[in-house]
């Protein structure tokens, strides 16, 4: 169920869950979510709190939509408006994702995406509607002062790819 929109494009969903004597069940994705059709699904496992991914994005001319939730643990998901013509250009919002709150974020092209795990042993469920292995994805350094991203905890783990990301132009 759609619960909120950010920047007129990013959609926040409440995932339907059910608990009974056998355990819990979460309907993570269904085909009625904003015409999104998952092509690839990944599960990221983050042993340490402070594991950071991003800021990654796709230009609107080569779109890729991401559907992100946390299936174990807790993390802070960030969406950053990178559409230069947008009145909210370089503004960001954060959404806490956890196995308890069962919230998912749909991130379209033109919107940057970042994530930091808030506790050890966090697992993120991540689907995209096209292959992310092409050269059309881009990144911006999370320390970019024009964006001013505020992280709730220090970064403990980050890839060289993200650490060496350029600042916005």
C-alpha atoms as a PDB file:
ATOM      1  CA  UNK A   1       0.000   0.000   0.000  1.00  0.00           C
ATOM      2  CA  UNK A   2       1.364   3.430  -0.988  1.00  0.00           C
ATOM      3  CA  UNK A   3       1.862   5.550   2.132  1.00  0.00           C
ATOM      4  CA  UNK A   4       3.884   8.555   0.918  1.00  0.00           C
ATOM      5  CA  UNK A   5       5.481  10.248  -2.099  1.00  0.00           C
ATOM      6  CA  UNK A   6       8.731  12.231  -2.048  1.00  0.00           C
ATOM      7  CA  UNK A   7       9.832  14.700  -4.751  1.00  0.00           C
ATOM      8  CA  UNK A   8       6.739  13.723  -6.749  1.00  0.00           C
ATOM      9  CA  UNK A   9       8.508  10.536  -7.902  1.00  0.00           C
ATOM     10  CA  UNK A  10       9.811   8.428  -5.019  1.00  0.00           C
ATOM     11  CA  UNK A  11       7.147   6.163  -3.533  1.00  0.00           C
ATOM     12  CA  UNK A  12       7.098   4.679  -0.044  1.00  0.00           C
ATOM     13  CA  UNK A  13       5.101   1.488   0.471  1.00  0.00           C
ATOM     14  CA  UNK A  14       3.901  -0.429   3.486  1.00  0.00           C
ATOM     15  CA  UNK A  15       4.535  -4.105   2.838  1.00  0.00           C
ATOM     16  CA  UNK A  16       1.719  -6.467   3.772  1.00  0.00           C
ATOM     17  CA  UNK A  17       2.847  -8.826   6.535  1.00  0.00           C
ATOM     18  CA  UNK A  18       1.254 -11.649   8.463  1.00  0.00           C
ATOM     19  CA  UNK A  19       2.309 -13.397  11.664  1.00  0.00           C
ATOM     20  CA  UNK A  20       0.965 -16.667  13.003  1.00  0.00           C
ATOM     21  CA  UNK A  21       2.192 -19.621  15.062  1.00  0.00           C
ATOM     22  CA  UNK A  22       4.554 -20.673  12.236  1.00  0.00           C
ATOM     23  CA  UNK A  23       6.369 -17.331  12.059  1.00  0.00           C
ATOM     24  CA  UNK A  24       6.024 -14.332   9.791  1.00  0.00           C
ATOM     25  CA  UNK A  25       5.351 -13.759   6.106  1.00  0.00           C
ATOM     26  CA  UNK A  26       6.007 -10.564   4.151  1.00  0.00           C
ATOM     27  CA  UNK A  27       4.605  -9.886   0.694  1.00  0.00           C
ATOM     28  CA  UNK A  28       7.715  -7.949  -0.338  1.00  0.00           C
ATOM     29  CA  UNK A  29       6.748  -7.278  -3.938  1.00  0.00           C
ATOM     30  CA  UNK A  30       3.618  -7.652  -5.988  1.00  0.00           C
ATOM     31  CA  UNK A  31       2.954  -6.834  -9.623  1.00  0.00           C
ATOM     32  CA  UNK A  32       0.639  -3.916  -8.820  1.00  0.00           C
ATOM     33  CA  UNK A  33       3.415  -1.671  -7.483  1.00  0.00           C
ATOM     34  CA  UNK A  34       3.478   1.350  -9.816  1.00  0.00           C
ATOM     35  CA  UNK A  35       3.920  -0.653 -13.038  1.00  0.00           C
ATOM     36  CA  UNK A  36       7.294  -1.850 -11.709  1.00  0.00           C
ATOM     37  CA  UNK A  37       8.459  -5.162 -13.150  1.00  0.00           C
ATOM     38  CA  UNK A  38      11.470  -6.652 -11.369  1.00  0.00           C
ATOM     39  CA  UNK A  39      14.172  -7.977 -13.700  1.00  0.00           C
ATOM     40  CA  UNK A  40      16.876  -8.636 -11.101  1.00  0.00           C
ATOM     41  CA  UNK A  41      16.580  -9.196  -7.362  1.00  0.00           C
ATOM     42  CA  UNK A  42      19.532  -9.067  -4.995  1.00  0.00           C
ATOM     43  CA  UNK A  43      19.999  -9.585  -1.290  1.00  0.00           C
ATOM     44  CA  UNK A  44      22.762  -7.592   0.348  1.00  0.00           C
ATOM     45  CA  UNK A  45      24.118  -8.888   3.640  1.00  0.00           C
ATOM     46  CA  UNK A  46      25.852  -6.343   5.874  1.00  0.00           C
ATOM     47  CA  UNK A  47      27.651  -7.901   8.855  1.00  0.00           C
ATOM     48  CA  UNK A  48      28.598  -4.515  10.355  1.00  0.00           C
ATOM     49  CA  UNK A  49      26.550  -1.491  11.365  1.00  0.00           C
ATOM     50  CA  UNK A  50      27.729   1.522   9.361  1.00  0.00           C
ATOM     51  CA  UNK A  51      28.072  -0.329   6.046  1.00  0.00           C
ATOM     52  CA  UNK A  52      27.402   2.309   3.379  1.00  0.00           C
ATOM     53  CA  UNK A  53      26.251   2.111  -0.270  1.00  0.00           C
ATOM     54  CA  UNK A  54      25.810   5.080  -2.594  1.00  0.00           C
ATOM     55  CA  UNK A  55      25.013   7.756  -3.726  1.00  0.00           C
ATOM     56  CA  UNK A  56      24.107   5.865  -6.946  1.00  0.00           C
ATOM     57  CA  UNK A  57      21.733   6.983  -9.679  1.00  0.00           C
ATOM     58  CA  UNK A  58      20.617   6.693 -13.285  1.00  0.00           C
ATOM     59  CA  UNK A  59      19.832   9.600 -15.576  1.00  0.00           C
ATOM     60  CA  UNK A  60      16.214   9.841 -16.705  1.00  0.00           C
ATOM     61  CA  UNK A  61      17.385   9.307 -20.313  1.00  0.00           C
ATOM     62  CA  UNK A  62      18.431   5.753 -19.351  1.00  0.00           C
ATOM     63  CA  UNK A  63      15.988   4.871 -16.585  1.00  0.00           C
ATOM     64  CA  UNK A  64      16.276   2.153 -14.005  1.00  0.00           C
ATOM     65  CA  UNK A  65      13.889   1.893 -11.072  1.00  0.00           C
ATOM     66  CA  UNK A  66      14.927   0.338  -7.748  1.00  0.00           C
ATOM     67  CA  UNK A  67      12.694  -1.285  -5.150  1.00  0.00           C
ATOM     68  CA  UNK A  68      14.400  -1.508  -1.743  1.00  0.00           C
ATOM     69  CA  UNK A  69      13.451  -2.885   1.670  1.00  0.00           C
ATOM     70  CA  UNK A  70      15.154  -4.453   4.685  1.00  0.00           C
ATOM     71  CA  UNK A  71      14.311  -8.050   5.541  1.00  0.00           C
ATOM     72  CA  UNK A  72      16.571  -8.333   8.595  1.00  0.00           C
ATOM     73  CA  UNK A  73      17.960  -5.657  10.869  1.00  0.00           C
ATOM     74  CA  UNK A  74      17.696  -1.901  10.308  1.00  0.00           C
ATOM     75  CA  UNK A  75      19.031   0.659   7.878  1.00  0.00           C
ATOM     76  CA  UNK A  76      18.601   4.252   6.768  1.00  0.00           C
ATOM     77  CA  UNK A  77      17.658   4.681   3.126  1.00  0.00           C
ATOM     78  CA  UNK A  78      18.353   8.028   1.399  1.00  0.00           C
ATOM     79  CA  UNK A  79      16.789   9.523  -1.706  1.00  0.00           C
ATOM     80  CA  UNK A  80      18.420  12.577  -3.278  1.00  0.00           C
ATOM     81  CA  UNK A  81      16.806  14.628  -6.054  1.00  0.00           C
ATOM     82  CA  UNK A  82      19.421  14.865  -8.823  1.00  0.00           C
ATOM     83  CA  UNK A  83      17.143  16.295 -11.529  1.00  0.00           C
ATOM     84  CA  UNK A  84      18.797  19.629 -12.363  1.00  0.00           C
ATOM     85  CA  UNK A  85      15.512  21.223 -13.482  1.00  0.00           C
ATOM     86  CA  UNK A  86      13.691  20.206 -10.305  1.00  0.00           C
ATOM     87  CA  UNK A  87      12.792  22.770  -7.611  1.00  0.00           C
ATOM     88  CA  UNK A  88      14.063  20.224  -5.054  1.00  0.00           C
ATOM     89  CA  UNK A  89      17.422  19.661  -6.823  1.00  0.00           C
ATOM     90  CA  UNK A  90      20.081  18.296  -4.390  1.00  0.00           C
ATOM     91  CA  UNK A  91      17.566  17.980  -1.541  1.00  0.00           C
ATOM     92  CA  UNK A  92      17.381  14.642   0.246  1.00  0.00           C
ATOM     93  CA  UNK A  93      15.159  12.702   2.585  1.00  0.00           C
ATOM     94  CA  UNK A  94      15.829   9.622   4.674  1.00  0.00           C
ATOM     95  CA  UNK A  95      13.539   6.712   5.442  1.00  0.00           C
ATOM     96  CA  UNK A  96      14.274   4.119   8.104  1.00  0.00           C
ATOM     97  CA  UNK A  97      13.790   0.592   6.789  1.00  0.00           C
ATOM     98  CA  UNK A  98      13.609  -2.401   9.100  1.00  0.00           C
ATOM     99  CA  UNK A  99      12.176  -5.859   9.356  1.00  0.00           C
ATOM    100  CA  UNK A 100       9.792  -4.458  11.988  1.00  0.00           C
ATOM    101  CA  UNK A 101       8.349  -1.514  10.044  1.00  0.00           C
ATOM    102  CA  UNK A 102       8.068  -3.411   6.705  1.00  0.00           C
ATOM    103  CA  UNK A 103       8.503  -0.281   4.581  1.00  0.00           C
ATOM    104  CA  UNK A 104       9.826  -0.341   1.004  1.00  0.00           C
ATOM    105  CA  UNK A 105      11.056   2.482  -1.242  1.00  0.00           C
ATOM    106  CA  UNK A 106      10.595   2.710  -5.022  1.00  0.00           C
ATOM    107  CA  UNK A 107      13.417   4.886  -6.432  1.00  0.00           C
ATOM    108  CA  UNK A 108      13.073   6.020 -10.073  1.00  0.00           C
ATOM    109  CA  UNK A 109      15.710   7.401 -12.450  1.00  0.00           C
ATOM    110  CA  UNK A 110      16.892  10.933 -11.701  1.00  0.00           C
ATOM    111  CA  UNK A 111      16.845  10.236  -7.974  1.00  0.00           C
ATOM    112  CA  UNK A 112      20.043   9.322  -6.142  1.00  0.00           C
ATOM    113  CA  UNK A 113      19.981   6.449  -3.700  1.00  0.00           C
ATOM    114  CA  UNK A 114      22.156   5.651  -0.685  1.00  0.00           C
ATOM    115  CA  UNK A 115      21.879   3.276   2.255  1.00  0.00           C
ATOM    116  CA  UNK A 116      23.631   2.746   5.588  1.00  0.00           C
ATOM    117  CA  UNK A 117      23.075  -0.236   7.880  1.00  0.00           C
ATOM    118  CA  UNK A 118      22.147   0.798  11.417  1.00  0.00           C
ATOM    119  CA  UNK A 119      22.845  -2.514  13.105  1.00  0.00           C
ATOM    120  CA  UNK A 120      24.973  -5.596  12.609  1.00  0.00           C
ATOM    121  CA  UNK A 121      23.638  -8.396  10.411  1.00  0.00           C
ATOM    122  CA  UNK A 122      21.321  -6.234   8.311  1.00  0.00           C
ATOM    123  CA  UNK A 123      19.955  -7.732   5.101  1.00  0.00           C
ATOM    124  CA  UNK A 124      18.531  -5.632   2.286  1.00  0.00           C
ATOM    125  CA  UNK A 125      16.193  -6.895  -0.453  1.00  0.00           C
ATOM    126  CA  UNK A 126      16.819  -4.918  -3.649  1.00  0.00           C
ATOM    127  CA  UNK A 127      15.115  -5.304  -7.041  1.00  0.00           C
ATOM    128  CA  UNK A 128      15.665  -3.414 -10.288  1.00  0.00           C
ATOM    129  CA  UNK A 129      13.715  -3.269 -13.530  1.00  0.00           C
ATOM    130  CA  UNK A 130      16.798  -3.581 -15.779  1.00  0.00           C
ATOM    131  CA  UNK A 131      20.350  -4.816 -15.522  1.00  0.00           C
ATOM    132  CA  UNK A 132      22.562  -2.653 -13.349  1.00  0.00           C
ATOM    133  CA  UNK A 133      25.737  -4.052 -14.887  1.00  0.00           C
ATOM    134  CA  UNK A 134      26.003  -1.544 -17.712  1.00  0.00           C
ATOM    135  CA  UNK A 135      28.064   1.657 -17.836  1.00  0.00           C
ATOM    136  CA  UNK A 136      25.031   3.940 -17.536  1.00  0.00           C
ATOM    137  CA  UNK A 137      24.870   4.027 -13.746  1.00  0.00           C
ATOM    138  CA  UNK A 138      26.628   6.916 -12.034  1.00  0.00           C
ATOM    139  CA  UNK A 139      27.557   8.036  -8.548  1.00  0.00           C
ATOM    140  CA  UNK A 140      28.189  11.102  -6.406  1.00  0.00           C
ATOM    141  CA  UNK A 141      30.363  11.296  -3.316  1.00  0.00           C
ATOM    142  CA  UNK A 142      28.342  11.025  -0.122  1.00  0.00           C
ATOM    143  CA  UNK A 143      30.484  13.798   1.426  1.00  0.00           C
ATOM    144  CA  UNK A 144      29.418  16.306  -1.248  1.00  0.00           C
ATOM    145  CA  UNK A 145      28.823  19.598   0.639  1.00  0.00           C
ATOM    146  CA  UNK A 146      26.195  20.712  -1.900  1.00  0.00           C
ATOM    147  CA  UNK A 147      24.046  17.780  -0.772  1.00  0.00           C
ATOM    148  CA  UNK A 148      24.961  17.814   2.923  1.00  0.00           C
ATOM    149  CA  UNK A 149      23.928  14.234   3.625  1.00  0.00           C
ATOM    150  CA  UNK A 150      23.669  13.572   7.367  1.00  0.00           C
ATOM    151  CA  UNK A 151      24.348  10.016   8.495  1.00  0.00           C
ATOM    152  CA  UNK A 152      23.077   8.786  11.897  1.00  0.00           C
ATOM    153  CA  UNK A 153      26.220   6.732  12.560  1.00  0.00           C
ATOM    154  CA  UNK A 154      29.783   6.771  11.189  1.00  0.00           C
ATOM    155  CA  UNK A 155      30.611   4.817   8.048  1.00  0.00           C
ATOM    156  CA  UNK A 156      32.436   1.597   9.018  1.00  0.00           C
ATOM    157  CA  UNK A 157      32.547  -0.094   5.608  1.00  0.00           C
ATOM    158  CA  UNK A 158      32.479   1.479   2.133  1.00  0.00           C
ATOM    159  CA  UNK A 159      33.687   0.339  -1.292  1.00  0.00           C
ATOM    160  CA  UNK A 160      36.576   2.046  -3.084  1.00  0.00           C
ATOM    161  CA  UNK A 161      34.047   2.762  -5.860  1.00  0.00           C
ATOM    162  CA  UNK A 162      31.888   4.842  -3.492  1.00  0.00           C
ATOM    163  CA  UNK A 163      34.825   6.374  -1.624  1.00  0.00           C
ATOM    164  CA  UNK A 164      36.304   7.687  -4.888  1.00  0.00           C
ATOM    165  CA  UNK A 165      32.981   8.967  -6.296  1.00  0.00           C
ATOM    166  CA  UNK A 166      33.148  12.496  -7.720  1.00  0.00           C
ATOM    167  CA  UNK A 167      31.349  15.475  -6.229  1.00  0.00           C
ATOM    168  CA  UNK A 168      28.354  16.963  -8.058  1.00  0.00           C
ATOM    169  CA  UNK A 169      29.052  19.392 -10.880  1.00  0.00           C
END
